[in-house]
Amino acid sequence: IHNTETQKTQTVENPAVAAQGGAGIQAAQFVVDTGANALITVRCGQNAADVFKAANLKIYKALSTSAEENIKALVEGKLDELTSFHAGFHGKA
């Protein structure tokens, strides 16, 4: 979690990492509960996207694998909003 105002970054563990079902929704709600107003990601499931949309949290498509580079691109307005969401994995590998 990066605060663009204070430039402080905090690493937190995903509490839904071991969830048997609904992990995307649980992880999304966790992000919302942190007070974040934007998410940078490579991909996102539809159920999680629905949670983010309900919270008015913007979802952006990551440009690179570097968190620092993606944050810089977000601040500079260089990231596109993510508009395509997958159906989810639902226990499939």
PDB file of N, CA and C in Angstrom:
ATOM      1  N   ILE A   1       0.869  -1.162   0.000  1.00  0.00           N
ATOM      2  CA  ILE A   1       0.000   0.000   0.000  1.00  0.00           C
ATOM      3  C   ILE A   1       0.910   1.216   0.000  1.00  0.00           C
ATOM      4  N   HIS A   2       0.694   2.089  -0.981  1.00  0.00           N
ATOM      5  CA  HIS A   2       1.533   3.275  -1.093  1.00  0.00           C
ATOM      6  C   HIS A   2       0.675   4.523  -0.955  1.00  0.00           C
ATOM      7  N   ASN A   3       1.102   5.420  -0.069  1.00  0.00           N
ATOM      8  CA  ASN A   3       0.422   6.696   0.117  1.00  0.00           C
ATOM      9  C   ASN A   3       1.150   7.731  -0.735  1.00  0.00           C
ATOM     10  N   THR A   4       0.479   8.224  -1.776  1.00  0.00           N
ATOM     11  CA  THR A   4       1.123   9.167  -2.688  1.00  0.00           C
ATOM     12  C   THR A   4       1.334  10.544  -2.058  1.00  0.00           C
ATOM     13  N   GLU A   5       0.653  10.829  -0.976  1.00  0.00           N
ATOM     14  CA  GLU A   5       0.839  12.118  -0.309  1.00  0.00           C
ATOM     15  C   GLU A   5       2.057  12.111   0.604  1.00  0.00           C
ATOM     16  N   THR A   6       2.219  11.039   1.374  1.00  0.00           N
ATOM     17  CA  THR A   6       3.338  10.957   2.317  1.00  0.00           C
ATOM     18  C   THR A   6       4.539  10.215   1.737  1.00  0.00           C
ATOM     19  N   GLN A   7       4.343   9.544   0.610  1.00  0.00           N
ATOM     20  CA  GLN A   7       5.367   8.725  -0.047  1.00  0.00           C
ATOM     21  C   GLN A   7       5.791   7.532   0.814  1.00  0.00           C
ATOM     22  N   LYS A   8       4.929   7.116   1.731  1.00  0.00           N
ATOM     23  CA  LYS A   8       5.226   5.956   2.574  1.00  0.00           C
ATOM     24  C   LYS A   8       4.564   4.717   1.977  1.00  0.00           C
ATOM     25  N   THR A   9       5.300   3.617   2.012  1.00  0.00           N
ATOM     26  CA  THR A   9       4.807   2.344   1.503  1.00  0.00           C
ATOM     27  C   THR A   9       4.736   1.352   2.650  1.00  0.00           C
ATOM     28  N   GLN A  10       3.663   0.601   2.671  1.00  0.00           N
ATOM     29  CA  GLN A  10       3.452  -0.403   3.714  1.00  0.00           C
ATOM     30  C   GLN A  10       3.161  -1.731   3.028  1.00  0.00           C
ATOM     31  N   THR A  11       3.830  -2.785   3.443  1.00  0.00           N
ATOM     32  CA  THR A  11       3.577  -4.117   2.916  1.00  0.00           C
ATOM     33  C   THR A  11       2.652  -4.845   3.880  1.00  0.00           C
ATOM     34  N   VAL A  12       1.580  -5.398   3.351  1.00  0.00           N
ATOM     35  CA  VAL A  12       0.625  -6.135   4.173  1.00  0.00           C
ATOM     36  C   VAL A  12       0.365  -7.494   3.548  1.00  0.00           C
ATOM     37  N   GLU A  13       0.045  -8.453   4.370  1.00  0.00           N
ATOM     38  CA  GLU A  13      -0.256  -9.795   3.886  1.00  0.00           C
ATOM     39  C   GLU A  13      -1.725  -9.876   3.474  1.00  0.00           C
ATOM     40  N   ASN A  14      -1.968 -10.534   2.362  1.00  0.00           N
ATOM     41  CA  ASN A  14      -3.328 -10.747   1.878  1.00  0.00           C
ATOM     42  C   ASN A  14      -4.016 -11.742   2.815  1.00  0.00           C
ATOM     43  N   PRO A  15      -5.029 -11.320   3.566  1.00  0.00           N
ATOM     44  CA  PRO A  15      -5.688 -12.232   4.506  1.00  0.00           C
ATOM     45  C   PRO A  15      -6.522 -13.302   3.805  1.00  0.00           C
ATOM     46  N   ALA A  16      -6.766 -13.166   2.522  1.00  0.00           N
ATOM     47  CA  ALA A  16      -7.589 -14.135   1.791  1.00  0.00           C
ATOM     48  C   ALA A  16      -6.755 -15.150   1.020  1.00  0.00           C
ATOM     49  N   VAL A  17      -5.442 -15.127   1.220  1.00  0.00           N
ATOM     50  CA  VAL A  17      -4.556 -15.970   0.420  1.00  0.00           C
ATOM     51  C   VAL A  17      -4.895 -17.461   0.537  1.00  0.00           C
ATOM     52  N   ALA A  18      -5.374 -17.915   1.664  1.00  0.00           N
ATOM     53  CA  ALA A  18      -5.671 -19.328   1.854  1.00  0.00           C
ATOM     54  C   ALA A  18      -7.165 -19.644   1.784  1.00  0.00           C
ATOM     55  N   ALA A  19      -7.960 -18.692   1.366  1.00  0.00           N
ATOM     56  CA  ALA A  19      -9.415 -18.897   1.313  1.00  0.00           C
ATOM     57  C   ALA A  19      -9.770 -19.993   0.325  1.00  0.00           C
ATOM     58  N   GLN A  20     -10.699 -20.829   0.702  1.00  0.00           N
ATOM     59  CA  GLN A  20     -11.151 -21.926  -0.158  1.00  0.00           C
ATOM     60  C   GLN A  20     -12.081 -21.428  -1.256  1.00  0.00           C
ATOM     61  N   GLY A  21     -12.797 -20.369  -0.980  1.00  0.00           N
ATOM     62  CA  GLY A  21     -13.719 -19.804  -1.960  1.00  0.00           C
ATOM     63  C   GLY A  21     -13.930 -18.340  -1.669  1.00  0.00           C
ATOM     64  N   GLY A  22     -14.199 -17.576  -2.700  1.00  0.00           N
ATOM     65  CA  GLY A  22     -14.450 -16.153  -2.524  1.00  0.00           C
ATOM     66  C   GLY A  22     -13.220 -15.345  -2.193  1.00  0.00           C
ATOM     67  N   ALA A  23     -12.037 -15.875  -2.535  1.00  0.00           N
ATOM     68  CA  ALA A  23     -10.790 -15.189  -2.192  1.00  0.00           C
ATOM     69  C   ALA A  23     -10.705 -13.820  -2.846  1.00  0.00           C
ATOM     70  N   GLY A  24     -11.155 -13.711  -4.089  1.00  0.00           N
ATOM     71  CA  GLY A  24     -11.096 -12.432  -4.789  1.00  0.00           C
ATOM     72  C   GLY A  24     -11.937 -11.372  -4.112  1.00  0.00           C
ATOM     73  N   ILE A  25     -13.138 -11.751  -3.713  1.00  0.00           N
ATOM     74  CA  ILE A  25     -14.032 -10.815  -3.028  1.00  0.00           C
ATOM     75  C   ILE A  25     -13.440 -10.420  -1.679  1.00  0.00           C
ATOM     76  N   GLN A  26     -12.912 -11.402  -0.948  1.00  0.00           N
ATOM     77  CA  GLN A  26     -12.316 -11.115   0.363  1.00  0.00           C
ATOM     78  C   GLN A  26     -11.098 -10.205   0.232  1.00  0.00           C
ATOM     79  N   ALA A  27     -10.251 -10.489  -0.749  1.00  0.00           N
ATOM     80  CA  ALA A  27      -9.063  -9.658  -0.957  1.00  0.00           C
ATOM     81  C   ALA A  27      -9.470  -8.254  -1.385  1.00  0.00           C
ATOM     82  N   ALA A  28     -10.463  -8.156  -2.241  1.00  0.00           N
ATOM     83  CA  ALA A  28     -10.941  -6.846  -2.697  1.00  0.00           C
ATOM     84  C   ALA A  28     -11.486  -6.039  -1.529  1.00  0.00           C
ATOM     85  N   GLN A  29     -12.264  -6.680  -0.674  1.00  0.00           N
ATOM     86  CA  GLN A  29     -12.818  -5.969   0.477  1.00  0.00           C
ATOM     87  C   GLN A  29     -11.710  -5.512   1.417  1.00  0.00           C
ATOM     88  N   PHE A  30     -10.676  -6.332   1.558  1.00  0.00           N
ATOM     89  CA  PHE A  30      -9.527  -5.944   2.381  1.00  0.00           C
ATOM     90  C   PHE A  30      -8.884  -4.677   1.827  1.00  0.00           C
ATOM     91  N   VAL A  31      -8.692  -4.617   0.505  1.00  0.00           N
ATOM     92  CA  VAL A  31      -8.097  -3.434  -0.123  1.00  0.00           C
ATOM     93  C   VAL A  31      -8.984  -2.211   0.124  1.00  0.00           C
ATOM     94  N   VAL A  32     -10.276  -2.381  -0.055  1.00  0.00           N
ATOM     95  CA  VAL A  32     -11.219  -1.278   0.189  1.00  0.00           C
ATOM     96  C   VAL A  32     -11.121  -0.817   1.641  1.00  0.00           C
ATOM     97  N   ASP A  33     -11.063  -1.751   2.555  1.00  0.00           N
ATOM     98  CA  ASP A  33     -11.015  -1.423   3.984  1.00  0.00           C
ATOM     99  C   ASP A  33      -9.741  -0.674   4.384  1.00  0.00           C
ATOM    100  N   THR A  34      -8.684  -0.784   3.583  1.00  0.00           N
ATOM    101  CA  THR A  34      -7.453  -0.046   3.894  1.00  0.00           C
ATOM    102  C   THR A  34      -7.613   1.439   3.605  1.00  0.00           C
ATOM    103  N   GLY A  35      -8.658   1.798   2.857  1.00  0.00           N
ATOM    104  CA  GLY A  35      -8.867   3.190   2.503  1.00  0.00           C
ATOM    105  C   GLY A  35      -8.243   3.571   1.171  1.00  0.00           C
ATOM    106  N   ALA A  36      -7.738   2.586   0.454  1.00  0.00           N
ATOM    107  CA  ALA A  36      -7.128   2.851  -0.857  1.00  0.00           C
ATOM    108  C   ALA A  36      -8.174   3.450  -1.801  1.00  0.00           C
ATOM    109  N   ASN A  37      -7.719   4.282  -2.723  1.00  0.00           N
ATOM    110  CA  ASN A  37      -8.641   4.811  -3.723  1.00  0.00           C
ATOM    111  C   ASN A  37      -8.260   4.399  -5.130  1.00  0.00           C
ATOM    112  N   ALA A  38      -7.183   3.591  -5.248  1.00  0.00           N
ATOM    113  CA  ALA A  38      -6.773   3.076  -6.555  1.00  0.00           C
ATOM    114  C   ALA A  38      -6.054   1.749  -6.363  1.00  0.00           C
ATOM    115  N   LEU A  39      -6.167   0.897  -7.373  1.00  0.00           N
ATOM    116  CA  LEU A  39      -5.480  -0.388  -7.400  1.00  0.00           C
ATOM    117  C   LEU A  39      -4.768  -0.496  -8.731  1.00  0.00           C
ATOM    118  N   ILE A  40      -3.512  -0.915  -8.703  1.00  0.00           N
ATOM    119  CA  ILE A  40      -2.757  -1.171  -9.925  1.00  0.00           C
ATOM    120  C   ILE A  40      -2.551  -2.680  -9.988  1.00  0.00           C
ATOM    121  N   THR A  41      -2.994  -3.294 -11.084  1.00  0.00           N
ATOM    122  CA  THR A  41      -2.909  -4.744 -11.196  1.00  0.00           C
ATOM    123  C   THR A  41      -2.789  -5.169 -12.655  1.00  0.00           C
ATOM    124  N   VAL A  42      -2.327  -6.370 -12.856  1.00  0.00           N
ATOM    125  CA  VAL A  42      -2.221  -6.927 -14.202  1.00  0.00           C
ATOM    126  C   VAL A  42      -3.584  -7.413 -14.674  1.00  0.00           C
ATOM    127  N   ARG A  43      -4.326  -8.049 -13.767  1.00  0.00           N
ATOM    128  CA  ARG A  43      -5.652  -8.561 -14.103  1.00  0.00           C
ATOM    129  C   ARG A  43      -6.512  -8.590 -12.841  1.00  0.00           C
ATOM    130  N   CYS A  44      -7.813  -8.698 -13.057  1.00  0.00           N
ATOM    131  CA  CYS A  44      -8.747  -8.661 -11.939  1.00  0.00           C
ATOM    132  C   CYS A  44      -9.981  -9.465 -12.304  1.00  0.00           C
ATOM    133  N   GLY A  45     -10.496 -10.221 -11.367  1.00  0.00           N
ATOM    134  CA  GLY A  45     -11.729 -10.966 -11.578  1.00  0.00           C
ATOM    135  C   GLY A  45     -12.947 -10.055 -11.485  1.00  0.00           C
ATOM    136  N   GLN A  46     -14.015 -10.491 -12.121  1.00  0.00           N
ATOM    137  CA  GLN A  46     -15.238  -9.690 -12.160  1.00  0.00           C
ATOM    138  C   GLN A  46     -15.816  -9.454 -10.769  1.00  0.00           C
ATOM    139  N   ASN A  47     -15.821 -10.479  -9.907  1.00  0.00           N
ATOM    140  CA  ASN A  47     -16.389 -10.309  -8.565  1.00  0.00           C
ATOM    141  C   ASN A  47     -15.611  -9.282  -7.750  1.00  0.00           C
ATOM    142  N   ALA A  48     -14.291  -9.342  -7.835  1.00  0.00           N
ATOM    143  CA  ALA A  48     -13.467  -8.358  -7.129  1.00  0.00           C
ATOM    144  C   ALA A  48     -13.691  -6.971  -7.728  1.00  0.00           C
ATOM    145  N   ALA A  49     -13.764  -6.897  -9.055  1.00  0.00           N
ATOM    146  CA  ALA A  49     -13.999  -5.610  -9.719  1.00  0.00           C
ATOM    147  C   ALA A  49     -15.319  -4.998  -9.258  1.00  0.00           C
ATOM    148  N   ASP A  50     -16.333  -5.824  -9.059  1.00  0.00           N
ATOM    149  CA  ASP A  50     -17.619  -5.322  -8.581  1.00  0.00           C
ATOM    150  C   ASP A  50     -17.492  -4.699  -7.191  1.00  0.00           C
ATOM    151  N   VAL A  51     -16.670  -5.316  -6.329  1.00  0.00           N
ATOM    152  CA  VAL A  51     -16.424  -4.766  -4.989  1.00  0.00           C
ATOM    153  C   VAL A  51     -15.729  -3.413  -5.112  1.00  0.00           C
ATOM    154  N   PHE A  52     -14.719  -3.345  -5.968  1.00  0.00           N
ATOM    155  CA  PHE A  52     -13.985  -2.090  -6.159  1.00  0.00           C
ATOM    156  C   PHE A  52     -14.887  -1.001  -6.721  1.00  0.00           C
ATOM    157  N   LYS A  53     -15.694  -1.353  -7.700  1.00  0.00           N
ATOM    158  CA  LYS A  53     -16.593  -0.373  -8.311  1.00  0.00           C
ATOM    159  C   LYS A  53     -17.597   0.161  -7.302  1.00  0.00           C
ATOM    160  N   ALA A  54     -18.129  -0.722  -6.454  1.00  0.00           N
ATOM    161  CA  ALA A  54     -19.100  -0.298  -5.435  1.00  0.00           C
ATOM    162  C   ALA A  54     -18.472   0.686  -4.451  1.00  0.00           C
ATOM    163  N   ALA A  55     -17.167   0.565  -4.255  1.00  0.00           N
ATOM    164  CA  ALA A  55     -16.446   1.445  -3.331  1.00  0.00           C
ATOM    165  C   ALA A  55     -15.846   2.653  -4.049  1.00  0.00           C
ATOM    166  N   ASN A  56     -16.142   2.806  -5.341  1.00  0.00           N
ATOM    167  CA  ASN A  56     -15.583   3.893  -6.150  1.00  0.00           C
ATOM    168  C   ASN A  56     -14.054   3.877  -6.164  1.00  0.00           C
ATOM    169  N   LEU A  57     -13.479   2.694  -6.124  1.00  0.00           N
ATOM    170  CA  LEU A  57     -12.039   2.529  -6.183  1.00  0.00           C
ATOM    171  C   LEU A  57     -11.662   2.275  -7.643  1.00  0.00           C
ATOM    172  N   LYS A  58     -10.740   3.070  -8.168  1.00  0.00           N
ATOM    173  CA  LYS A  58     -10.306   2.941  -9.561  1.00  0.00           C
ATOM    174  C   LYS A  58      -9.331   1.780  -9.704  1.00  0.00           C
ATOM    175  N   ILE A  59      -9.449   1.051 -10.813  1.00  0.00           N
ATOM    176  CA  ILE A  59      -8.573  -0.073 -11.103  1.00  0.00           C
ATOM    177  C   ILE A  59      -7.752   0.288 -12.340  1.00  0.00           C
ATOM    178  N   TYR A  60      -6.429   0.230 -12.203  1.00  0.00           N
ATOM    179  CA  TYR A  60      -5.541   0.592 -13.295  1.00  0.00           C
ATOM    180  C   TYR A  60      -4.736  -0.613 -13.763  1.00  0.00           C
ATOM    181  N   LYS A  61      -4.449  -0.650 -15.056  1.00  0.00           N
ATOM    182  CA  LYS A  61      -3.662  -1.714 -15.673  1.00  0.00           C
ATOM    183  C   LYS A  61      -2.185  -1.427 -15.450  1.00  0.00           C
ATOM    184  N   ALA A  62      -1.489  -2.386 -14.826  1.00  0.00           N
ATOM    185  CA  ALA A  62      -0.060  -2.247 -14.571  1.00  0.00           C
ATOM    186  C   ALA A  62       0.712  -2.243 -15.886  1.00  0.00           C
ATOM    187  N   LEU A  63       1.768  -1.424 -15.941  1.00  0.00           N
ATOM    188  CA  LEU A  63       2.629  -1.353 -17.120  1.00  0.00           C
ATOM    189  C   LEU A  63       3.844  -2.256 -17.003  1.00  0.00           C
ATOM    190  N   SER A  64       4.303  -2.468 -15.788  1.00  0.00           N
ATOM    191  CA  SER A  64       5.514  -3.250 -15.577  1.00  0.00           C
ATOM    192  C   SER A  64       5.373  -4.067 -14.304  1.00  0.00           C
ATOM    193  N   THR A  65       6.407  -4.839 -14.009  1.00  0.00           N
ATOM    194  CA  THR A  65       6.374  -5.635 -12.789  1.00  0.00           C
ATOM    195  C   THR A  65       6.906  -4.865 -11.588  1.00  0.00           C
ATOM    196  N   SER A  66       7.450  -3.697 -11.803  1.00  0.00           N
ATOM    197  CA  SER A  66       7.997  -2.892 -10.714  1.00  0.00           C
ATOM    198  C   SER A  66       6.904  -2.023 -10.094  1.00  0.00           C
ATOM    199  N   ALA A  67       6.692  -2.212  -8.798  1.00  0.00           N
ATOM    200  CA  ALA A  67       5.696  -1.396  -8.101  1.00  0.00           C
ATOM    201  C   ALA A  67       6.056   0.081  -8.183  1.00  0.00           C
ATOM    202  N   GLU A  68       7.329   0.391  -8.021  1.00  0.00           N
ATOM    203  CA  GLU A  68       7.768   1.788  -8.054  1.00  0.00           C
ATOM    204  C   GLU A  68       7.463   2.431  -9.403  1.00  0.00           C
ATOM    205  N   GLU A  69       7.741   1.704 -10.486  1.00  0.00           N
ATOM    206  CA  GLU A  69       7.485   2.240 -11.822  1.00  0.00           C
ATOM    207  C   GLU A  69       5.990   2.443 -12.058  1.00  0.00           C
ATOM    208  N   ASN A  70       5.183   1.505 -11.584  1.00  0.00           N
ATOM    209  CA  ASN A  70       3.734   1.621 -11.747  1.00  0.00           C
ATOM    210  C   ASN A  70       3.169   2.785 -10.941  1.00  0.00           C
ATOM    211  N   ILE A  71       3.662   2.987  -9.738  1.00  0.00           N
ATOM    212  CA  ILE A  71       3.198   4.108  -8.915  1.00  0.00           C
ATOM    213  C   ILE A  71       3.566   5.428  -9.587  1.00  0.00           C
ATOM    214  N   LYS A  72       4.787   5.515 -10.085  1.00  0.00           N
ATOM    215  CA  LYS A  72       5.223   6.728 -10.784  1.00  0.00           C
ATOM    216  C   LYS A  72       4.322   6.982 -11.997  1.00  0.00           C
ATOM    217  N   ALA A  73       4.029   5.928 -12.770  1.00  0.00           N
ATOM    218  CA  ALA A  73       3.168   6.078 -13.946  1.00  0.00           C
ATOM    219  C   ALA A  73       1.762   6.511 -13.545  1.00  0.00           C
ATOM    220  N   LEU A  74       1.253   6.011 -12.429  1.00  0.00           N
ATOM    221  CA  LEU A  74      -0.070   6.414 -11.952  1.00  0.00           C
ATOM    222  C   LEU A  74      -0.079   7.898 -11.611  1.00  0.00           C
ATOM    223  N   VAL A  75       0.910   8.332 -10.847  1.00  0.00           N
ATOM    224  CA  VAL A  75       1.000   9.735 -10.440  1.00  0.00           C
ATOM    225  C   VAL A  75       1.109  10.647 -11.666  1.00  0.00           C
ATOM    226  N   GLU A  76       1.816  10.177 -12.688  1.00  0.00           N
ATOM    227  CA  GLU A  76       1.994  10.964 -13.909  1.00  0.00           C
ATOM    228  C   GLU A  76       0.816  10.833 -14.879  1.00  0.00           C
ATOM    229  N   GLY A  77      -0.200  10.072 -14.496  1.00  0.00           N
ATOM    230  CA  GLY A  77      -1.376   9.912 -15.352  1.00  0.00           C
ATOM    231  C   GLY A  77      -1.133   9.039 -16.565  1.00  0.00           C
ATOM    232  N   LYS A  78      -0.178   8.141 -16.485  1.00  0.00           N
ATOM    233  CA  LYS A  78       0.193   7.310 -17.630  1.00  0.00           C
ATOM    234  C   LYS A  78      -0.425   5.913 -17.612  1.00  0.00           C
ATOM    235  N   LEU A  79      -1.207   5.584 -16.603  1.00  0.00           N
ATOM    236  CA  LEU A  79      -1.847   4.267 -16.551  1.00  0.00           C
ATOM    237  C   LEU A  79      -3.272   4.360 -17.064  1.00  0.00           C
ATOM    238  N   ASP A  80      -3.676   3.349 -17.809  1.00  0.00           N
ATOM    239  CA  ASP A  80      -5.050   3.260 -18.277  1.00  0.00           C
ATOM    240  C   ASP A  80      -5.891   2.514 -17.255  1.00  0.00           C
ATOM    241  N   GLU A  81      -7.157   2.881 -17.177  1.00  0.00           N
ATOM    242  CA  GLU A  81      -8.052   2.123 -16.299  1.00  0.00           C
ATOM    243  C   GLU A  81      -8.256   0.729 -16.887  1.00  0.00           C
ATOM    244  N   LEU A  82      -8.315  -0.250 -16.026  1.00  0.00           N
ATOM    245  CA  LEU A  82      -8.571  -1.625 -16.437  1.00  0.00           C
ATOM    246  C   LEU A  82     -10.074  -1.760 -16.652  1.00  0.00           C
ATOM    247  N   THR A  83     -10.464  -2.224 -17.814  1.00  0.00           N
ATOM    248  CA  THR A  83     -11.890  -2.315 -18.145  1.00  0.00           C
ATOM    249  C   THR A  83     -12.320  -3.724 -18.497  1.00  0.00           C
ATOM    250  N   SER A  84     -11.381  -4.647 -18.611  1.00  0.00           N
ATOM    251  CA  SER A  84     -11.699  -6.026 -18.962  1.00  0.00           C
ATOM    252  C   SER A  84     -11.389  -6.909 -17.758  1.00  0.00           C
ATOM    253  N   PHE A  85     -12.376  -7.679 -17.345  1.00  0.00           N
ATOM    254  CA  PHE A  85     -12.229  -8.500 -16.147  1.00  0.00           C
ATOM    255  C   PHE A  85     -12.540  -9.955 -16.482  1.00  0.00           C
ATOM    256  N   HIS A  86     -11.766 -10.866 -15.869  1.00  0.00           N
ATOM    257  CA  HIS A  86     -12.010 -12.295 -16.129  1.00  0.00           C
ATOM    258  C   HIS A  86     -13.085 -12.815 -15.184  1.00  0.00           C
ATOM    259  N   ALA A  87     -13.649 -13.955 -15.528  1.00  0.00           N
ATOM    260  CA  ALA A  87     -14.742 -14.522 -14.748  1.00  0.00           C
ATOM    261  C   ALA A  87     -14.287 -15.058 -13.391  1.00  0.00           C
ATOM    262  N   GLY A  88     -13.020 -15.258 -13.221  1.00  0.00           N
ATOM    263  CA  GLY A  88     -12.508 -15.807 -11.967  1.00  0.00           C
ATOM    264  C   GLY A  88     -12.053 -17.236 -12.177  1.00  0.00           C
ATOM    265  N   PHE A  89     -11.332 -17.765 -11.216  1.00  0.00           N
ATOM    266  CA  PHE A  89     -10.766 -19.094 -11.363  1.00  0.00           C
ATOM    267  C   PHE A  89     -11.624 -20.158 -10.696  1.00  0.00           C
ATOM    268  N   HIS A  90     -12.345 -19.814  -9.666  1.00  0.00           N
ATOM    269  CA  HIS A  90     -13.302 -20.724  -9.012  1.00  0.00           C
ATOM    270  C   HIS A  90     -12.713 -22.105  -8.734  1.00  0.00           C
ATOM    271  N   GLY A  91     -11.512 -22.118  -8.173  1.00  0.00           N
ATOM    272  CA  GLY A  91     -10.894 -23.360  -7.769  1.00  0.00           C
ATOM    273  C   GLY A  91     -10.197 -24.111  -8.875  1.00  0.00           C
ATOM    274  N   LYS A  92     -10.184 -23.586 -10.069  1.00  0.00           N
ATOM    275  CA  LYS A  92      -9.510 -24.242 -11.185  1.00  0.00           C
ATOM    276  C   LYS A  92      -8.075 -23.771 -11.249  1.00  0.00           C
ATOM    277  N   ALA A  93      -7.199 -24.684 -11.593  1.00  0.00           N
ATOM    278  CA  ALA A  93      -5.776 -24.321 -11.713  1.00  0.00           C
ATOM    279  C   ALA A  93      -5.446 -23.876 -13.105  1.00  0.00           C
TER     280      ALA A  93
END
